[in-house]
């Protein structure tokens, strides 16, 4: 990972962008910002209705927490296991916080965008591909720049598979799949572990 001038500039820009959008770091893996749903009314698979203007928690994954995947199968498995541990802890914490934190009391769902292969359906995520457009092509180029800057090995491997997908996780499904009161650690772990080698690379999103 280069530590040159451009790398330092991108680190500075990433920090300023997060401050501008009021992104709050929750833990090692996840940061959140709050926003309104600006799309059409939509029905989620668990029966939740997302109405225009409803509060969404926007997911941002912290680039600092990801171990570079390396070049060998052993390195890749190590990165996957590291990611699995982080995601179980982070979403478990979120499932508790969303029930107790006044800042999150109105959140209907978590929402995020990933540019790599879809994953997460087994733990309640609903995923849809974002249509091609001029704006999304610009975003795709920008994400390639981020990926090449912070994760060059991953960028080389995934360059031809970059497609934007929207990820939704309703408040109800977050609690159902990640709360310690509703599911065992072993059950959640097996769901994540079954896709962990792919997920460790798929969910890296510095923005």
N, C-alpha and C. Protein backbone atom coordinates (compact mmCIF):
# COMPACT_ATOMS: atom_id res chain seq x y z
N UNK A 1 0.85 -1.19 0.00
CA UNK A 1 0.00 0.00 0.00
C UNK A 1 0.89 1.24 0.00
N UNK A 2 0.75 2.03 -1.03
CA UNK A 2 1.60 3.21 -1.17
C UNK A 2 1.28 4.24 -0.11
N UNK A 3 2.34 4.91 0.36
CA UNK A 3 2.19 5.98 1.33
C UNK A 3 2.62 7.32 0.72
N UNK A 4 2.51 7.43 -0.61
CA UNK A 4 2.94 8.63 -1.30
C UNK A 4 1.97 9.78 -1.15
N UNK A 5 2.24 10.83 -1.92
CA UNK A 5 1.47 12.06 -1.82
C UNK A 5 0.00 11.84 -2.16
N UNK A 6 -0.27 11.07 -3.22
CA UNK A 6 -1.66 10.85 -3.61
C UNK A 6 -2.39 10.06 -2.53
N UNK A 7 -1.75 9.07 -1.95
CA UNK A 7 -2.36 8.30 -0.87
C UNK A 7 -2.72 9.20 0.31
N UNK A 8 -1.80 10.08 0.68
CA UNK A 8 -2.06 10.99 1.80
C UNK A 8 -3.20 11.96 1.47
N UNK A 9 -3.23 12.41 0.22
CA UNK A 9 -4.33 13.28 -0.20
C UNK A 9 -5.67 12.57 -0.10
N UNK A 10 -5.74 11.30 -0.52
CA UNK A 10 -6.99 10.56 -0.48
C UNK A 10 -7.43 10.31 0.97
N UNK A 11 -6.47 10.08 1.87
CA UNK A 11 -6.81 9.95 3.29
C UNK A 11 -7.41 11.25 3.81
N UNK A 12 -6.78 12.38 3.43
CA UNK A 12 -7.28 13.69 3.86
C UNK A 12 -8.68 13.92 3.31
N UNK A 13 -8.88 13.62 2.03
CA UNK A 13 -10.18 13.84 1.39
C UNK A 13 -11.26 12.97 2.04
N UNK A 14 -10.91 11.71 2.31
CA UNK A 14 -11.87 10.80 2.94
C UNK A 14 -12.32 11.33 4.29
N UNK A 15 -11.38 11.87 5.07
CA UNK A 15 -11.72 12.42 6.38
C UNK A 15 -12.61 13.64 6.25
N UNK A 16 -12.28 14.55 5.32
CA UNK A 16 -13.09 15.76 5.13
C UNK A 16 -14.49 15.39 4.64
N UNK A 17 -14.58 14.39 3.74
CA UNK A 17 -15.88 13.96 3.22
C UNK A 17 -16.75 13.45 4.35
N UNK A 18 -16.20 12.66 5.25
CA UNK A 18 -16.96 12.12 6.37
C UNK A 18 -17.41 13.23 7.33
N UNK A 19 -16.55 14.22 7.54
CA UNK A 19 -16.95 15.33 8.39
C UNK A 19 -18.09 16.12 7.74
N UNK A 20 -17.99 16.36 6.45
CA UNK A 20 -19.01 17.12 5.73
C UNK A 20 -20.37 16.43 5.79
N UNK A 21 -20.38 15.10 5.68
CA UNK A 21 -21.63 14.33 5.68
C UNK A 21 -22.01 13.83 7.06
N UNK A 22 -21.31 14.31 8.09
CA UNK A 22 -21.62 13.97 9.48
C UNK A 22 -21.65 12.46 9.71
N UNK A 23 -20.62 11.81 9.23
CA UNK A 23 -20.49 10.36 9.41
C UNK A 23 -19.87 10.09 10.77
N UNK A 24 -20.56 9.30 11.57
CA UNK A 24 -20.10 8.98 12.93
C UNK A 24 -19.51 7.57 12.96
N UNK A 25 -18.30 7.46 13.48
CA UNK A 25 -17.68 6.15 13.60
C UNK A 25 -18.31 5.40 14.77
N UNK A 26 -18.84 4.22 14.49
CA UNK A 26 -19.50 3.41 15.51
C UNK A 26 -18.50 2.48 16.19
N UNK A 27 -17.70 1.80 15.39
CA UNK A 27 -16.67 0.91 15.92
C UNK A 27 -15.59 0.74 14.86
N UNK A 28 -14.78 -0.29 14.99
CA UNK A 28 -13.66 -0.49 14.07
C UNK A 28 -14.11 -0.70 12.63
N UNK A 29 -15.27 -1.32 12.44
CA UNK A 29 -15.73 -1.68 11.09
C UNK A 29 -16.64 -0.64 10.47
N UNK A 30 -17.60 -0.13 11.25
CA UNK A 30 -18.73 0.60 10.68
C UNK A 30 -18.79 2.04 11.15
N UNK A 31 -19.16 2.91 10.22
CA UNK A 31 -19.57 4.27 10.53
C UNK A 31 -20.98 4.46 9.97
N UNK A 32 -21.70 5.43 10.54
CA UNK A 32 -23.08 5.69 10.12
C UNK A 32 -23.30 7.18 9.90
N UNK A 33 -24.16 7.48 8.96
CA UNK A 33 -24.75 8.82 8.86
C UNK A 33 -26.26 8.62 8.70
N UNK A 34 -27.03 9.65 8.97
CA UNK A 34 -28.48 9.57 8.86
C UNK A 34 -28.95 10.33 7.64
N UNK A 35 -29.95 9.78 6.97
CA UNK A 35 -30.52 10.44 5.81
C UNK A 35 -31.97 10.04 5.63
N UNK A 36 -32.66 10.73 4.73
CA UNK A 36 -34.06 10.43 4.44
C UNK A 36 -34.17 9.58 3.18
N UNK A 37 -35.16 8.68 3.19
CA UNK A 37 -35.45 7.90 1.99
C UNK A 37 -36.10 8.82 0.97
N UNK A 38 -35.46 8.96 -0.19
CA UNK A 38 -35.95 9.88 -1.22
C UNK A 38 -36.60 9.17 -2.40
N UNK A 39 -36.65 7.85 -2.33
CA UNK A 39 -37.26 7.10 -3.42
C UNK A 39 -38.74 6.88 -3.20
N UNK A 40 -39.28 5.94 -3.96
CA UNK A 40 -40.70 5.61 -3.85
C UNK A 40 -40.95 4.74 -2.63
N UNK A 41 -42.21 4.68 -2.24
CA UNK A 41 -42.63 3.78 -1.16
C UNK A 41 -42.29 2.35 -1.55
N UNK A 42 -41.71 1.59 -0.61
CA UNK A 42 -41.32 0.22 -0.96
C UNK A 42 -41.61 -0.73 0.20
N UNK A 43 -42.01 -1.93 -0.17
CA UNK A 43 -42.31 -2.99 0.80
C UNK A 43 -41.13 -3.93 0.88
N UNK A 44 -40.62 -4.14 2.09
CA UNK A 44 -39.49 -5.04 2.30
C UNK A 44 -40.01 -6.45 2.57
N UNK A 45 -39.10 -7.43 2.52
CA UNK A 45 -39.51 -8.83 2.61
C UNK A 45 -40.08 -9.19 3.97
N UNK A 46 -39.76 -8.43 5.03
CA UNK A 46 -40.27 -8.74 6.36
C UNK A 46 -41.56 -7.98 6.67
N UNK A 47 -42.11 -7.29 5.67
CA UNK A 47 -43.36 -6.57 5.86
C UNK A 47 -43.18 -5.10 6.20
N UNK A 48 -41.95 -4.65 6.38
CA UNK A 48 -41.70 -3.24 6.67
C UNK A 48 -41.95 -2.38 5.44
N UNK A 49 -42.68 -1.29 5.63
CA UNK A 49 -42.86 -0.30 4.56
C UNK A 49 -41.86 0.83 4.76
N UNK A 50 -41.10 1.14 3.72
CA UNK A 50 -40.21 2.30 3.74
C UNK A 50 -40.90 3.41 2.94
N UNK A 51 -41.27 4.46 3.65
CA UNK A 51 -42.01 5.57 3.04
C UNK A 51 -41.05 6.71 2.68
N UNK A 52 -41.40 7.52 1.67
CA UNK A 52 -40.59 8.71 1.38
C UNK A 52 -40.45 9.59 2.63
N UNK A 53 -39.23 9.98 2.93
CA UNK A 53 -38.97 10.79 4.12
C UNK A 53 -38.62 10.00 5.35
N UNK A 54 -38.78 8.67 5.32
CA UNK A 54 -38.40 7.85 6.48
C UNK A 54 -36.89 7.94 6.72
N UNK A 55 -36.51 7.81 7.98
CA UNK A 55 -35.11 7.91 8.37
C UNK A 55 -34.35 6.62 8.05
N UNK A 56 -33.22 6.76 7.38
CA UNK A 56 -32.34 5.63 7.08
C UNK A 56 -30.98 5.85 7.74
N UNK A 57 -30.38 4.77 8.21
CA UNK A 57 -28.99 4.82 8.67
C UNK A 57 -28.12 4.37 7.51
N UNK A 58 -27.26 5.28 7.03
CA UNK A 58 -26.41 5.00 5.87
C UNK A 58 -25.12 4.35 6.36
N UNK A 59 -24.84 3.16 5.84
CA UNK A 59 -23.66 2.40 6.25
C UNK A 59 -22.42 2.85 5.50
N UNK A 60 -21.33 3.01 6.24
CA UNK A 60 -20.02 3.29 5.67
C UNK A 60 -19.02 2.34 6.34
N UNK A 61 -18.23 1.65 5.55
CA UNK A 61 -17.26 0.72 6.11
C UNK A 61 -15.89 1.39 6.19
N UNK A 62 -15.26 1.30 7.36
CA UNK A 62 -14.00 1.98 7.61
C UNK A 62 -12.85 1.24 6.95
N UNK A 63 -12.14 1.92 6.06
CA UNK A 63 -11.05 1.28 5.34
C UNK A 63 -9.92 0.82 6.26
N UNK A 64 -9.75 1.50 7.40
CA UNK A 64 -8.62 1.19 8.28
C UNK A 64 -8.69 -0.22 8.85
N UNK A 65 -9.87 -0.78 8.94
CA UNK A 65 -10.02 -2.06 9.64
C UNK A 65 -9.71 -3.26 8.76
N UNK A 66 -9.62 -3.06 7.44
CA UNK A 66 -9.47 -4.20 6.55
C UNK A 66 -8.01 -4.59 6.38
N UNK A 67 -7.76 -5.88 6.56
CA UNK A 67 -6.43 -6.42 6.32
C UNK A 67 -6.27 -6.63 4.82
N UNK A 68 -5.18 -6.16 4.19
CA UNK A 68 -4.98 -6.45 2.77
C UNK A 68 -5.05 -7.95 2.54
N UNK A 69 -5.82 -8.42 1.52
CA UNK A 69 -6.07 -9.84 1.36
C UNK A 69 -4.85 -10.69 1.05
N UNK A 70 -3.77 -10.08 0.56
CA UNK A 70 -2.58 -10.86 0.27
C UNK A 70 -2.68 -11.61 -1.05
N UNK A 71 -1.73 -12.48 -1.30
CA UNK A 71 -1.64 -13.16 -2.59
C UNK A 71 -1.83 -14.66 -2.51
N UNK A 72 -1.89 -15.23 -1.32
CA UNK A 72 -2.00 -16.67 -1.19
C UNK A 72 -3.37 -17.04 -0.64
N UNK A 73 -3.83 -18.28 -0.88
CA UNK A 73 -5.11 -18.73 -0.30
C UNK A 73 -5.16 -18.58 1.22
N UNK A 74 -4.04 -18.82 1.88
CA UNK A 74 -4.01 -18.68 3.35
C UNK A 74 -4.23 -17.23 3.76
N UNK A 75 -3.62 -16.30 3.04
CA UNK A 75 -3.83 -14.88 3.33
C UNK A 75 -5.29 -14.50 3.13
N UNK A 76 -5.89 -15.02 2.07
CA UNK A 76 -7.27 -14.69 1.76
C UNK A 76 -8.22 -15.22 2.83
N UNK A 77 -7.98 -16.45 3.31
CA UNK A 77 -8.80 -17.02 4.37
C UNK A 77 -8.63 -16.22 5.66
N UNK A 78 -7.40 -15.80 5.95
CA UNK A 78 -7.15 -14.99 7.15
C UNK A 78 -7.94 -13.68 7.09
N UNK A 79 -7.95 -13.04 5.92
CA UNK A 79 -8.72 -11.80 5.76
C UNK A 79 -10.20 -12.05 5.93
N UNK A 80 -10.68 -13.18 5.39
CA UNK A 80 -12.10 -13.51 5.51
C UNK A 80 -12.51 -13.74 6.96
N UNK A 81 -11.68 -14.46 7.71
CA UNK A 81 -11.99 -14.72 9.11
C UNK A 81 -11.95 -13.43 9.93
N UNK A 82 -11.01 -12.56 9.62
CA UNK A 82 -10.94 -11.27 10.29
C UNK A 82 -12.20 -10.46 10.03
N UNK A 83 -12.65 -10.45 8.79
CA UNK A 83 -13.86 -9.72 8.44
C UNK A 83 -15.09 -10.32 9.12
N UNK A 84 -15.19 -11.64 9.15
CA UNK A 84 -16.33 -12.29 9.79
C UNK A 84 -16.44 -11.89 11.26
N UNK A 85 -15.29 -11.89 11.94
CA UNK A 85 -15.27 -11.50 13.35
C UNK A 85 -15.75 -10.07 13.53
N UNK A 86 -15.28 -9.17 12.67
CA UNK A 86 -15.67 -7.77 12.77
C UNK A 86 -17.16 -7.57 12.50
N UNK A 87 -17.68 -8.22 11.45
CA UNK A 87 -19.07 -7.97 11.08
C UNK A 87 -20.03 -8.52 12.12
N UNK A 88 -19.71 -9.67 12.71
CA UNK A 88 -20.58 -10.21 13.75
C UNK A 88 -20.61 -9.27 14.96
N UNK A 89 -19.44 -8.79 15.37
CA UNK A 89 -19.38 -7.88 16.51
C UNK A 89 -20.07 -6.56 16.21
N UNK A 90 -19.84 -6.01 15.01
CA UNK A 90 -20.38 -4.70 14.67
C UNK A 90 -21.89 -4.70 14.54
N UNK A 91 -22.43 -5.67 13.81
CA UNK A 91 -23.88 -5.69 13.64
C UNK A 91 -24.58 -6.17 14.90
N UNK A 92 -23.91 -6.97 15.73
CA UNK A 92 -24.46 -7.30 17.03
C UNK A 92 -24.59 -6.05 17.90
N UNK A 93 -23.55 -5.21 17.86
CA UNK A 93 -23.59 -3.97 18.62
C UNK A 93 -24.67 -3.03 18.05
N UNK A 94 -24.77 -2.96 16.73
CA UNK A 94 -25.80 -2.11 16.11
C UNK A 94 -27.21 -2.55 16.48
N UNK A 95 -27.41 -3.87 16.56
CA UNK A 95 -28.75 -4.37 16.89
C UNK A 95 -29.17 -3.95 18.29
N UNK A 96 -28.20 -3.83 19.21
CA UNK A 96 -28.50 -3.35 20.56
C UNK A 96 -28.66 -1.84 20.58
N UNK A 97 -27.78 -1.16 19.88
CA UNK A 97 -27.80 0.30 19.90
C UNK A 97 -29.06 0.87 19.26
N UNK A 98 -29.54 0.22 18.20
CA UNK A 98 -30.71 0.75 17.51
C UNK A 98 -31.96 0.69 18.38
N UNK A 99 -31.91 -0.15 19.43
CA UNK A 99 -33.04 -0.27 20.35
C UNK A 99 -32.93 0.68 21.55
N UNK A 100 -31.75 1.27 21.75
CA UNK A 100 -31.55 2.07 22.96
C UNK A 100 -31.08 3.50 22.70
N UNK A 101 -30.46 3.74 21.55
CA UNK A 101 -29.88 5.06 21.26
C UNK A 101 -30.96 6.00 20.72
N UNK A 102 -31.22 7.12 21.40
CA UNK A 102 -32.23 8.07 20.91
C UNK A 102 -31.95 8.57 19.49
N UNK A 103 -30.67 8.65 19.11
CA UNK A 103 -30.31 9.10 17.78
C UNK A 103 -30.84 8.16 16.69
N UNK A 104 -31.02 6.88 17.04
CA UNK A 104 -31.42 5.87 16.06
C UNK A 104 -32.86 5.41 16.22
N UNK A 105 -33.62 6.06 17.10
CA UNK A 105 -34.96 5.56 17.41
C UNK A 105 -35.91 5.62 16.21
N UNK A 106 -35.67 6.54 15.26
CA UNK A 106 -36.56 6.68 14.12
C UNK A 106 -36.07 5.94 12.87
N UNK A 107 -34.93 5.24 12.98
CA UNK A 107 -34.36 4.58 11.81
C UNK A 107 -35.24 3.39 11.40
N UNK A 108 -35.69 3.41 10.13
CA UNK A 108 -36.50 2.31 9.61
C UNK A 108 -35.65 1.18 9.05
N UNK A 109 -34.48 1.54 8.49
CA UNK A 109 -33.63 0.53 7.86
C UNK A 109 -32.21 1.05 7.73
N UNK A 110 -31.29 0.12 7.57
CA UNK A 110 -29.92 0.44 7.21
C UNK A 110 -29.79 0.34 5.70
N UNK A 111 -28.98 1.24 5.13
CA UNK A 111 -28.83 1.27 3.67
C UNK A 111 -27.36 1.54 3.34
N UNK A 112 -26.87 0.85 2.33
CA UNK A 112 -25.51 1.08 1.88
C UNK A 112 -25.35 0.66 0.43
N UNK A 113 -24.24 1.05 -0.17
CA UNK A 113 -23.94 0.68 -1.55
C UNK A 113 -22.58 0.00 -1.58
N UNK A 114 -22.52 -1.15 -2.23
CA UNK A 114 -21.26 -1.84 -2.48
C UNK A 114 -21.10 -1.99 -3.99
N UNK A 115 -19.85 -1.98 -4.44
CA UNK A 115 -19.56 -2.04 -5.87
C UNK A 115 -19.02 -3.39 -6.30
N UNK A 116 -19.03 -4.35 -5.41
CA UNK A 116 -18.49 -5.66 -5.71
C UNK A 116 -19.59 -6.71 -5.56
N UNK A 117 -19.32 -8.00 -5.81
CA UNK A 117 -20.39 -9.00 -5.92
C UNK A 117 -21.32 -9.04 -4.71
N UNK A 118 -22.64 -9.23 -4.96
CA UNK A 118 -23.64 -9.24 -3.88
C UNK A 118 -23.39 -10.35 -2.87
N UNK A 119 -23.79 -10.09 -1.63
CA UNK A 119 -23.61 -11.04 -0.53
C UNK A 119 -24.46 -10.54 0.64
N UNK A 120 -24.82 -11.45 1.54
CA UNK A 120 -25.50 -11.04 2.77
C UNK A 120 -26.97 -11.41 2.86
N UNK A 121 -27.52 -12.09 1.84
CA UNK A 121 -28.95 -12.41 1.89
C UNK A 121 -29.31 -13.32 3.06
N UNK A 122 -28.36 -14.17 3.47
CA UNK A 122 -28.65 -15.13 4.54
C UNK A 122 -28.81 -14.47 5.90
N UNK A 123 -28.34 -13.26 6.04
CA UNK A 123 -28.48 -12.56 7.32
C UNK A 123 -29.39 -11.33 7.17
N UNK A 124 -30.36 -11.42 6.27
CA UNK A 124 -31.43 -10.42 6.22
C UNK A 124 -31.28 -9.29 5.24
N UNK A 125 -30.15 -9.18 4.56
CA UNK A 125 -29.99 -8.10 3.59
C UNK A 125 -30.84 -8.33 2.35
N UNK A 126 -31.42 -7.25 1.83
CA UNK A 126 -32.07 -7.28 0.53
C UNK A 126 -31.21 -6.46 -0.42
N UNK A 127 -30.94 -7.02 -1.59
CA UNK A 127 -29.93 -6.45 -2.49
C UNK A 127 -30.54 -6.22 -3.86
N UNK A 128 -30.22 -5.08 -4.46
CA UNK A 128 -30.68 -4.80 -5.81
C UNK A 128 -29.58 -4.06 -6.57
N UNK A 129 -29.46 -4.39 -7.83
CA UNK A 129 -28.46 -3.71 -8.66
C UNK A 129 -28.93 -2.30 -8.99
N UNK A 130 -28.01 -1.35 -8.90
CA UNK A 130 -28.32 0.03 -9.25
C UNK A 130 -28.13 0.20 -10.75
N UNK A 131 -29.13 0.78 -11.45
CA UNK A 131 -29.06 0.88 -12.92
C UNK A 131 -27.86 1.71 -13.38
N UNK A 132 -27.39 1.40 -14.58
CA UNK A 132 -26.32 2.19 -15.19
C UNK A 132 -26.82 3.60 -15.49
N UNK A 133 -25.96 4.57 -15.27
CA UNK A 133 -26.28 5.96 -15.59
C UNK A 133 -24.96 6.72 -15.66
N UNK A 134 -25.01 7.95 -16.18
CA UNK A 134 -23.79 8.75 -16.25
C UNK A 134 -23.23 9.00 -14.86
N UNK A 135 -24.12 9.33 -13.90
CA UNK A 135 -23.66 9.60 -12.53
C UNK A 135 -23.04 8.36 -11.92
N UNK A 136 -23.67 7.20 -12.12
CA UNK A 136 -23.13 5.98 -11.55
C UNK A 136 -21.82 5.57 -12.21
N UNK A 137 -21.64 5.90 -13.49
CA UNK A 137 -20.36 5.63 -14.14
C UNK A 137 -19.25 6.49 -13.54
N UNK A 138 -19.58 7.73 -13.21
CA UNK A 138 -18.61 8.61 -12.54
C UNK A 138 -18.26 8.03 -11.16
N UNK A 139 -19.30 7.60 -10.44
CA UNK A 139 -19.06 7.00 -9.12
C UNK A 139 -18.22 5.74 -9.23
N UNK A 140 -18.47 4.95 -10.27
CA UNK A 140 -17.71 3.73 -10.48
C UNK A 140 -16.23 4.03 -10.70
N UNK A 141 -15.94 5.06 -11.50
CA UNK A 141 -14.56 5.47 -11.73
C UNK A 141 -13.92 5.92 -10.42
N UNK A 142 -14.66 6.70 -9.63
CA UNK A 142 -14.13 7.19 -8.36
C UNK A 142 -13.85 6.03 -7.41
N UNK A 143 -14.74 5.04 -7.39
CA UNK A 143 -14.51 3.90 -6.51
C UNK A 143 -13.28 3.12 -6.95
N UNK A 144 -13.06 3.00 -8.27
CA UNK A 144 -11.84 2.33 -8.74
C UNK A 144 -10.59 3.05 -8.24
N UNK A 145 -10.65 4.38 -8.23
CA UNK A 145 -9.52 5.16 -7.73
C UNK A 145 -9.29 4.85 -6.24
N UNK A 146 -10.38 4.84 -5.45
CA UNK A 146 -10.26 4.53 -4.03
C UNK A 146 -9.70 3.13 -3.82
N UNK A 147 -10.24 2.18 -4.57
CA UNK A 147 -9.83 0.79 -4.40
C UNK A 147 -8.36 0.62 -4.76
N UNK A 148 -7.93 1.24 -5.86
CA UNK A 148 -6.54 1.12 -6.27
C UNK A 148 -5.61 1.81 -5.29
N UNK A 149 -6.08 2.89 -4.66
CA UNK A 149 -5.25 3.62 -3.71
C UNK A 149 -5.06 2.85 -2.41
N UNK A 150 -6.17 2.34 -1.86
CA UNK A 150 -6.12 1.73 -0.54
C UNK A 150 -5.95 0.21 -0.57
N UNK A 151 -6.42 -0.45 -1.66
CA UNK A 151 -6.38 -1.91 -1.75
C UNK A 151 -5.96 -2.34 -3.15
N UNK A 152 -4.71 -2.10 -3.54
CA UNK A 152 -4.29 -2.38 -4.93
C UNK A 152 -4.41 -3.84 -5.34
N UNK A 153 -4.15 -4.77 -4.42
CA UNK A 153 -4.27 -6.19 -4.76
C UNK A 153 -5.72 -6.54 -5.06
N UNK A 154 -6.62 -6.06 -4.21
CA UNK A 154 -8.04 -6.31 -4.42
C UNK A 154 -8.52 -5.65 -5.71
N UNK A 155 -8.02 -4.45 -6.00
CA UNK A 155 -8.42 -3.74 -7.22
C UNK A 155 -8.06 -4.54 -8.46
N UNK A 156 -6.88 -5.13 -8.47
CA UNK A 156 -6.45 -5.92 -9.62
C UNK A 156 -7.33 -7.15 -9.81
N UNK A 157 -7.78 -7.75 -8.70
CA UNK A 157 -8.59 -8.96 -8.79
C UNK A 157 -10.03 -8.67 -9.18
N UNK A 158 -10.59 -7.56 -8.68
CA UNK A 158 -12.02 -7.30 -8.82
C UNK A 158 -12.37 -6.27 -9.89
N UNK A 159 -11.40 -5.74 -10.62
CA UNK A 159 -11.64 -4.61 -11.50
C UNK A 159 -12.78 -4.84 -12.49
N UNK A 160 -12.88 -6.04 -13.04
CA UNK A 160 -13.90 -6.32 -14.06
C UNK A 160 -15.25 -6.68 -13.48
N UNK A 161 -15.35 -6.77 -12.16
CA UNK A 161 -16.63 -7.17 -11.54
C UNK A 161 -17.30 -6.02 -10.79
N UNK A 162 -16.80 -4.82 -10.93
CA UNK A 162 -17.36 -3.69 -10.19
C UNK A 162 -18.73 -3.29 -10.74
N UNK A 163 -19.77 -3.54 -9.97
CA UNK A 163 -21.12 -3.13 -10.30
C UNK A 163 -21.79 -2.63 -9.02
N UNK A 164 -22.49 -1.50 -9.08
CA UNK A 164 -23.10 -0.96 -7.86
C UNK A 164 -24.36 -1.74 -7.46
N UNK A 165 -24.43 -2.12 -6.20
CA UNK A 165 -25.61 -2.78 -5.64
C UNK A 165 -26.03 -2.05 -4.36
N UNK A 166 -27.32 -1.84 -4.23
CA UNK A 166 -27.87 -1.25 -3.01
C UNK A 166 -28.18 -2.37 -2.01
N UNK A 167 -27.82 -2.13 -0.76
CA UNK A 167 -28.05 -3.10 0.32
C UNK A 167 -29.01 -2.49 1.33
N UNK A 168 -30.08 -3.22 1.63
CA UNK A 168 -31.06 -2.80 2.63
C UNK A 168 -31.11 -3.83 3.75
N UNK A 169 -31.15 -3.36 4.99
CA UNK A 169 -31.37 -4.23 6.14
C UNK A 169 -32.34 -3.50 7.06
N UNK A 170 -33.56 -4.02 7.17
CA UNK A 170 -34.56 -3.35 7.98
C UNK A 170 -34.21 -3.43 9.46
N UNK A 171 -34.77 -2.51 10.21
CA UNK A 171 -34.58 -2.51 11.67
C UNK A 171 -34.96 -3.87 12.25
N UNK A 172 -36.08 -4.40 11.80
CA UNK A 172 -36.57 -5.68 12.30
C UNK A 172 -35.61 -6.81 11.98
N UNK A 173 -35.07 -6.85 10.75
CA UNK A 173 -34.14 -7.91 10.38
C UNK A 173 -32.79 -7.77 11.06
N UNK A 174 -32.36 -6.53 11.31
CA UNK A 174 -31.12 -6.33 12.06
C UNK A 174 -31.24 -6.97 13.44
N UNK A 175 -32.34 -6.69 14.13
CA UNK A 175 -32.55 -7.25 15.46
C UNK A 175 -32.72 -8.77 15.39
N UNK A 176 -33.48 -9.23 14.41
CA UNK A 176 -33.76 -10.67 14.29
C UNK A 176 -32.50 -11.49 14.04
N UNK A 177 -31.62 -11.01 13.17
CA UNK A 177 -30.47 -11.81 12.76
C UNK A 177 -29.22 -11.56 13.60
N UNK A 178 -29.14 -10.42 14.28
CA UNK A 178 -27.89 -10.09 14.96
C UNK A 178 -28.03 -9.86 16.46
N UNK A 179 -29.24 -9.73 16.98
CA UNK A 179 -29.39 -9.53 18.41
C UNK A 179 -29.07 -10.82 19.15
N UNK A 180 -28.33 -10.70 20.25
CA UNK A 180 -28.00 -11.88 21.06
C UNK A 180 -29.25 -12.49 21.68
N UNK A 181 -30.31 -11.70 21.82
CA UNK A 181 -31.53 -12.22 22.41
C UNK A 181 -32.31 -13.11 21.45
N UNK A 182 -32.05 -12.95 20.13
CA UNK A 182 -32.87 -13.64 19.14
C UNK A 182 -32.13 -14.70 18.34
N UNK A 183 -30.79 -14.68 18.39
CA UNK A 183 -30.05 -15.71 17.65
C UNK A 183 -28.73 -15.98 18.34
N UNK A 184 -28.27 -17.22 18.27
CA UNK A 184 -27.01 -17.58 18.92
C UNK A 184 -25.85 -17.11 18.07
N UNK A 185 -24.71 -16.90 18.73
CA UNK A 185 -23.51 -16.51 18.00
C UNK A 185 -23.13 -17.58 16.99
N UNK A 186 -23.33 -18.87 17.35
CA UNK A 186 -22.96 -19.95 16.45
C UNK A 186 -23.81 -19.91 15.18
N UNK A 187 -25.11 -19.63 15.32
CA UNK A 187 -26.00 -19.57 14.16
C UNK A 187 -25.62 -18.44 13.23
N UNK A 188 -25.42 -17.25 13.79
CA UNK A 188 -25.04 -16.11 12.96
C UNK A 188 -23.68 -16.34 12.32
N UNK A 189 -22.76 -16.91 13.11
CA UNK A 189 -21.43 -17.15 12.59
C UNK A 189 -21.44 -18.09 11.40
N UNK A 190 -22.26 -19.16 11.47
CA UNK A 190 -22.30 -20.12 10.37
C UNK A 190 -22.86 -19.49 9.11
N UNK A 191 -23.81 -18.54 9.26
CA UNK A 191 -24.37 -17.88 8.09
C UNK A 191 -23.34 -17.00 7.42
N UNK A 192 -22.55 -16.29 8.21
CA UNK A 192 -21.54 -15.43 7.63
C UNK A 192 -20.38 -16.25 7.11
N UNK A 193 -19.99 -17.29 7.86
CA UNK A 193 -18.84 -18.09 7.48
C UNK A 193 -19.05 -18.78 6.15
N UNK A 194 -20.30 -19.15 5.83
CA UNK A 194 -20.56 -19.86 4.60
C UNK A 194 -20.21 -19.05 3.38
N UNK A 195 -20.17 -17.71 3.53
CA UNK A 195 -19.82 -16.86 2.41
C UNK A 195 -18.57 -16.01 2.69
N UNK A 196 -17.89 -16.29 3.80
CA UNK A 196 -16.83 -15.38 4.24
C UNK A 196 -15.72 -15.18 3.22
N UNK A 197 -15.18 -16.23 2.54
CA UNK A 197 -14.08 -15.96 1.62
C UNK A 197 -14.46 -14.96 0.54
N UNK A 198 -15.68 -14.99 0.06
CA UNK A 198 -16.11 -14.00 -0.94
C UNK A 198 -16.38 -12.65 -0.29
N UNK A 199 -17.05 -12.69 0.87
CA UNK A 199 -17.48 -11.45 1.48
C UNK A 199 -16.32 -10.55 1.89
N UNK A 200 -15.21 -11.14 2.28
CA UNK A 200 -14.10 -10.32 2.76
C UNK A 200 -13.63 -9.35 1.70
N UNK A 201 -13.69 -9.75 0.45
CA UNK A 201 -13.34 -8.82 -0.61
C UNK A 201 -14.53 -8.02 -1.09
N UNK A 202 -15.73 -8.57 -0.95
CA UNK A 202 -16.89 -7.96 -1.58
C UNK A 202 -17.37 -6.72 -0.90
N UNK A 203 -17.11 -6.60 0.39
CA UNK A 203 -17.75 -5.53 1.13
C UNK A 203 -16.82 -4.35 1.40
N UNK A 204 -15.61 -4.42 0.89
CA UNK A 204 -14.67 -3.33 1.13
C UNK A 204 -15.14 -2.08 0.41
N UNK A 205 -15.51 -1.08 1.17
CA UNK A 205 -16.01 0.18 0.62
C UNK A 205 -15.53 1.30 1.50
N UNK A 206 -14.50 2.01 1.11
CA UNK A 206 -13.94 3.03 1.99
C UNK A 206 -14.84 4.23 2.19
N UNK A 207 -15.86 4.41 1.36
CA UNK A 207 -16.69 5.62 1.46
C UNK A 207 -17.85 5.43 2.39
